[in-house]
Structures are given as structure tokens and as C-alpha cells.
Protein backbone atom coordinates (compact mmCIF):
# COMPACT_ATOMS: atom_id res chain seq x y z
CA UNK A 1 17.61 -10.29 -2.38
CA UNK A 2 14.28 -10.84 -3.80
CA UNK A 3 12.55 -10.25 -0.82
CA UNK A 4 14.38 -6.62 -1.02
CA UNK A 5 13.50 -6.48 -4.50
CA UNK A 6 9.84 -6.92 -3.61
CA UNK A 7 10.22 -4.24 -0.81
CA UNK A 8 11.83 -1.94 -3.34
CA UNK A 9 8.91 -2.29 -5.88
CA UNK A 10 6.30 -2.27 -3.82
CA UNK A 11 7.76 1.13 -1.70
CA UNK A 12 7.76 2.39 -5.51
CA UNK A 13 4.47 0.92 -6.39
CA UNK A 14 2.04 2.32 -3.66
CA UNK A 15 4.08 5.94 -3.35
CA UNK A 16 3.78 6.70 -7.17
CA UNK A 17 0.59 7.85 -6.94
CA UNK A 18 -0.56 7.22 -3.39
CA UNK A 19 0.66 10.82 -2.06
CA UNK A 20 -2.16 12.54 -4.28
CA UNK A 21 -5.08 10.95 -2.27
CA UNK A 22 -5.34 13.93 -0.31
CA UNK A 23 -4.63 16.18 -3.51
CA UNK A 24 -7.42 14.20 -5.22
CA UNK A 25 -9.87 14.61 -2.20
CA UNK A 26 -9.52 18.29 -2.37
CA UNK A 27 -9.05 19.77 -5.67
CA UNK A 28 -11.65 17.29 -7.67
CA UNK A 29 -13.91 16.34 -5.02
CA UNK A 30 -13.86 19.51 -2.61
CA UNK A 31 -13.14 18.03 0.31
CA UNK A 32 -12.44 20.04 2.93
CA UNK A 33 -9.35 19.27 4.87
CA UNK A 34 -11.53 18.96 8.38
CA UNK A 35 -13.52 16.18 6.44
CA UNK A 36 -10.71 14.46 4.95
CA UNK A 37 -9.05 14.27 7.92
CA UNK A 38 -11.81 12.36 9.51
CA UNK A 39 -12.73 10.34 6.65
CA UNK A 40 -8.55 9.11 6.55
CA UNK A 41 -8.65 8.48 10.55
CA UNK A 42 -10.89 5.18 9.90
CA UNK A 43 -7.41 3.78 8.36
CA UNK A 44 -5.33 3.53 11.87
CA UNK A 45 -8.46 2.45 13.68
CA UNK A 46 -9.01 -0.09 11.26
CA UNK A 47 -5.37 -1.29 11.35
CA UNK A 48 -6.11 -0.95 15.74
CA UNK A 49 -8.62 -3.57 15.74
CA UNK A 50 -7.30 -5.86 12.92
CA UNK A 51 -4.05 -6.18 14.57
CA UNK A 52 -4.25 -8.99 16.63
CA UNK A 53 -6.45 -11.09 14.27
CA UNK A 54 -3.63 -10.84 11.76
CA UNK A 55 -0.86 -11.86 14.13
CA UNK A 56 -2.71 -15.01 14.57
CA UNK A 57 -2.68 -15.66 10.97
CA UNK A 58 0.73 -14.83 10.27
CA UNK A 59 1.55 -17.57 13.14
CA UNK A 60 -1.05 -20.08 11.54
CA UNK A 61 -0.42 -20.01 8.05
CA UNK A 62 2.64 -18.17 7.88
CA UNK A 63 4.10 -14.88 6.66
CA UNK A 64 4.22 -14.77 2.83
CA UNK A 65 0.59 -16.47 2.36
CA UNK A 66 -0.69 -13.76 5.06
CA UNK A 67 0.71 -10.69 3.45
CA UNK A 68 -0.28 -11.85 -0.21
CA UNK A 69 -3.92 -12.63 1.15
CA UNK A 70 -4.08 -8.99 3.15
CA UNK A 71 -2.27 -7.21 0.16
CA UNK A 72 -4.91 -8.49 -2.46
CA UNK A 73 -7.83 -7.49 0.31
CA UNK A 74 -6.21 -4.44 0.36
CA UNK A 75 -5.54 -3.32 -3.02
CA UNK A 76 -8.97 -4.92 -4.10
CA UNK A 77 -10.95 -2.25 -1.65
CA UNK A 78 -8.32 0.18 -3.10
CA UNK A 79 -9.59 -0.31 -6.48
CA UNK A 80 -12.96 1.56 -5.29
CA UNK A 81 -10.92 4.75 -5.41
CA UNK A 82 -10.78 4.20 -9.30
CA UNK A 83 -15.13 5.00 -9.05
CA UNK A 84 -15.16 7.82 -6.29
CA UNK A 85 -16.83 11.71 -7.26
CA UNK A 86 -18.57 13.82 -6.14
CA UNK A 87 -21.41 11.65 -5.86
CA UNK A 88 -20.20 8.95 -3.93
CA UNK A 89 -17.87 10.35 -1.29
CA UNK A 90 -19.18 7.86 1.01
CA UNK A 91 -16.82 5.68 -0.75
CA UNK A 92 -13.79 6.85 0.76
CA UNK A 93 -14.99 5.52 4.34
CA UNK A 94 -14.80 2.20 3.18
CA UNK A 95 -11.34 2.53 1.22
CA UNK A 96 -10.39 3.93 4.64
CA UNK A 97 -11.01 1.11 6.96
CA UNK A 98 -10.53 -1.62 4.48
CA UNK A 99 -6.89 -0.15 4.03
CA UNK A 100 -6.50 -0.01 7.63
CA UNK A 101 -8.02 -3.49 8.25
CA UNK A 102 -5.75 -5.13 5.66
CA UNK A 103 -2.33 -3.16 5.47
CA UNK A 104 -1.86 -4.40 9.32
CA UNK A 105 -1.88 -7.26 7.85
CA UNK A 106 0.36 -6.87 4.80
CA UNK A 107 2.84 -5.22 7.58
CA UNK A 108 2.73 -7.71 10.06
CA UNK A 109 3.28 -10.84 7.14
CA UNK A 110 6.00 -8.30 5.94
CA UNK A 111 8.00 -7.44 8.94
CA UNK A 112 7.54 -10.62 10.76
CA UNK A 113 9.45 -12.15 7.42
CA UNK A 114 12.03 -9.67 7.58
CA UNK A 115 13.13 -10.93 11.14
CA UNK A 116 12.79 -14.55 10.39
CA UNK A 117 14.56 -14.13 7.29
CA UNK A 118 17.91 -12.16 8.92
CA UNK A 119 20.32 -14.22 10.28
CA UNK A 120 20.69 -13.08 14.17
CA UNK A 121 24.30 -12.13 13.84
CA UNK A 122 23.19 -9.48 11.10
CA UNK A 123 19.88 -8.98 11.69
CA UNK A 124 20.58 -4.67 12.48
CA UNK A 125 22.41 -4.56 9.20
CA UNK A 126 19.85 -6.47 7.58
CA UNK A 127 16.92 -4.56 8.67
CA UNK A 128 18.59 -1.01 8.01
CA UNK A 129 19.79 -2.48 4.30
CA UNK A 130 15.79 -3.12 3.55
CA UNK A 131 14.56 -0.12 5.08
CA UNK A 132 17.08 1.80 2.82
CA UNK A 133 16.52 0.19 0.01
CA UNK A 134 12.51 0.38 0.27
CA UNK A 135 12.48 3.86 1.45
CA UNK A 136 14.92 4.73 -1.89
CA UNK A 137 12.38 2.98 -3.96
CA UNK A 138 9.87 5.15 -2.10
CA UNK A 139 11.34 8.47 -2.41
CA UNK A 140 12.11 8.59 -6.35
CA UNK A 141 8.33 7.36 -6.62
CA UNK A 142 5.86 10.37 -5.84
CA UNK A 143 8.23 13.06 -8.17
CA UNK A 144 7.88 10.91 -10.97
CA UNK A 145 4.28 10.44 -9.92
CA UNK A 146 3.80 14.04 -9.63
CA UNK A 147 5.20 14.39 -13.12
CA UNK A 148 2.68 12.52 -14.72
CA UNK A 149 -0.50 13.77 -13.43
CA UNK A 150 1.01 17.08 -14.15
CA UNK A 151 1.89 16.14 -18.00
CA UNK A 152 -1.21 14.47 -18.47
CA UNK A 153 -3.46 17.64 -16.92
CA UNK A 154 -1.39 19.62 -19.47
CA UNK A 155 -2.44 17.60 -22.53
CA UNK A 156 -6.05 18.62 -21.60
CA UNK A 157 -7.16 15.01 -19.92
CA UNK A 158 -9.80 15.00 -17.69
CA UNK A 159 -8.60 15.53 -14.15
CA UNK A 160 -10.54 13.43 -12.33
CA UNK A 161 -9.96 10.24 -15.21
CA UNK A 162 -6.27 10.99 -14.98
CA UNK A 163 -6.44 10.09 -11.07
CA UNK A 164 -9.09 7.03 -11.19
CA UNK A 165 -5.74 5.54 -13.59
CA UNK A 166 -3.33 6.83 -11.33
CA UNK A 167 -5.18 5.22 -8.52
CA UNK A 168 -5.26 1.97 -10.49
CA UNK A 169 -1.72 1.58 -11.45
CA UNK A 170 -1.18 0.77 -7.20
CA UNK A 171 -3.79 -2.47 -6.89
CA UNK A 172 -2.13 -3.68 -10.28
CA UNK A 173 1.35 -3.09 -10.05
CA UNK A 174 1.23 -4.68 -6.34
CA UNK A 175 -0.09 -7.23 -7.14
CA UNK A 176 2.07 -8.35 -9.58
CA UNK A 177 5.02 -7.28 -7.19
CA UNK A 178 3.59 -10.34 -5.40
CA UNK A 179 4.70 -12.75 -7.80
CA UNK A 180 8.56 -11.69 -6.39
CA UNK A 181 7.30 -12.24 -2.84
CA UNK A 182 6.15 -15.67 -3.82
CA UNK A 183 9.72 -16.49 -4.95
CA UNK A 184 11.12 -15.77 -1.05
CA UNK A 185 11.38 -19.08 0.73
CA UNK A 186 10.25 -19.33 4.35
CA UNK A 187 10.00 -22.19 6.58
CA UNK A 188 6.72 -24.08 6.93
CA UNK A 189 5.59 -23.81 10.46
CA UNK A 190 4.21 -26.83 12.51
């Protein structure tokens, strides 16, 4: 149950303001759709390069340590979003490629742990429950995030500052959710 709680927290945390990154790019930084897509494509490229390495690390050190280290690295680079403005848009490339490189390690660690924790005779049901609960948490987050951003703009706060604070939430809360993940038991690998 702790693992599912962790997944729900992560789904909510990443999706609270994450879907508003393109909105931030278009509205606040005046980046074209073509340029935004060019920047964002570096994420999947980073992921493609990193998959084999993260798989080996997960096999060697375990799924939970790998997922936590990868998540920490991913979110440290995500903090860069708190400083992006029209004068340093090039920082998006760093965030995008590092997001791909490190979210891959997180994904491999979590998915491998999911397979490891589920009893073989109920694996399909366990995966379905895991995905359903994490998706429900992820689904309720963007409307709340949109409400918060809209409310803050209506209060007269600087939109650039609003987005910078919003993008601070995912790194902070995802790292806090690792406190739940650390309590999930995983067999030591030999």
C-alpha cells in the first residue's frame, strides 16, 4: 500500500503544474510552438540514450535506490525552470535532456519494483490497481494547478513569478514523497 501511496503522490505532484510548462513557454517566454517542440524533443532523446545504463544500475543496486537517485537528479535539474526567463531560454535544453536522462532511471526503477512486489498470481490486477490509483491522482492535479495559477494571476501577482513558484513545487514535493518510497520493502540483490 505504501508503494501505491507513493505512486499517487508522485502522479499528483508531477501533474499539478507540469502540464503548464508549454503554457509558460508560449505565454511568458513567447516561444513558438515549433521551437517548444524542438526543445522538448531532447527529453525522449536523452531517455533513449540512458535506458541501458539505468537498467544495469537498477540490477546492481536495487530498484528503490536507483529510482530515488534518478528522481533526485531529475528534480535538481527541474529546479532550473525556476530561473528561466526570456534572457536564458537555452536553459530549457538542459532541463529537457536531463529530464529524459534521469526520468528514465526513475521509470525503470519504479516499474521494475512494481513487477517485483506483485505476486505472480495477481500481477495483472496489482499493476491495474497501481496504474489506476496513480492515474486518478494525476488526473485531479492539473485542474487544481490551473485554478491556483489562474487565482494567483487574478490577484495581480507577476505571471513569471507565479510559474517559477509553481515549478518549484514538483522538485520539493517529489523528493518529500521519497520518504514514503524508502519505507517500501525491497529484497537485497545478491
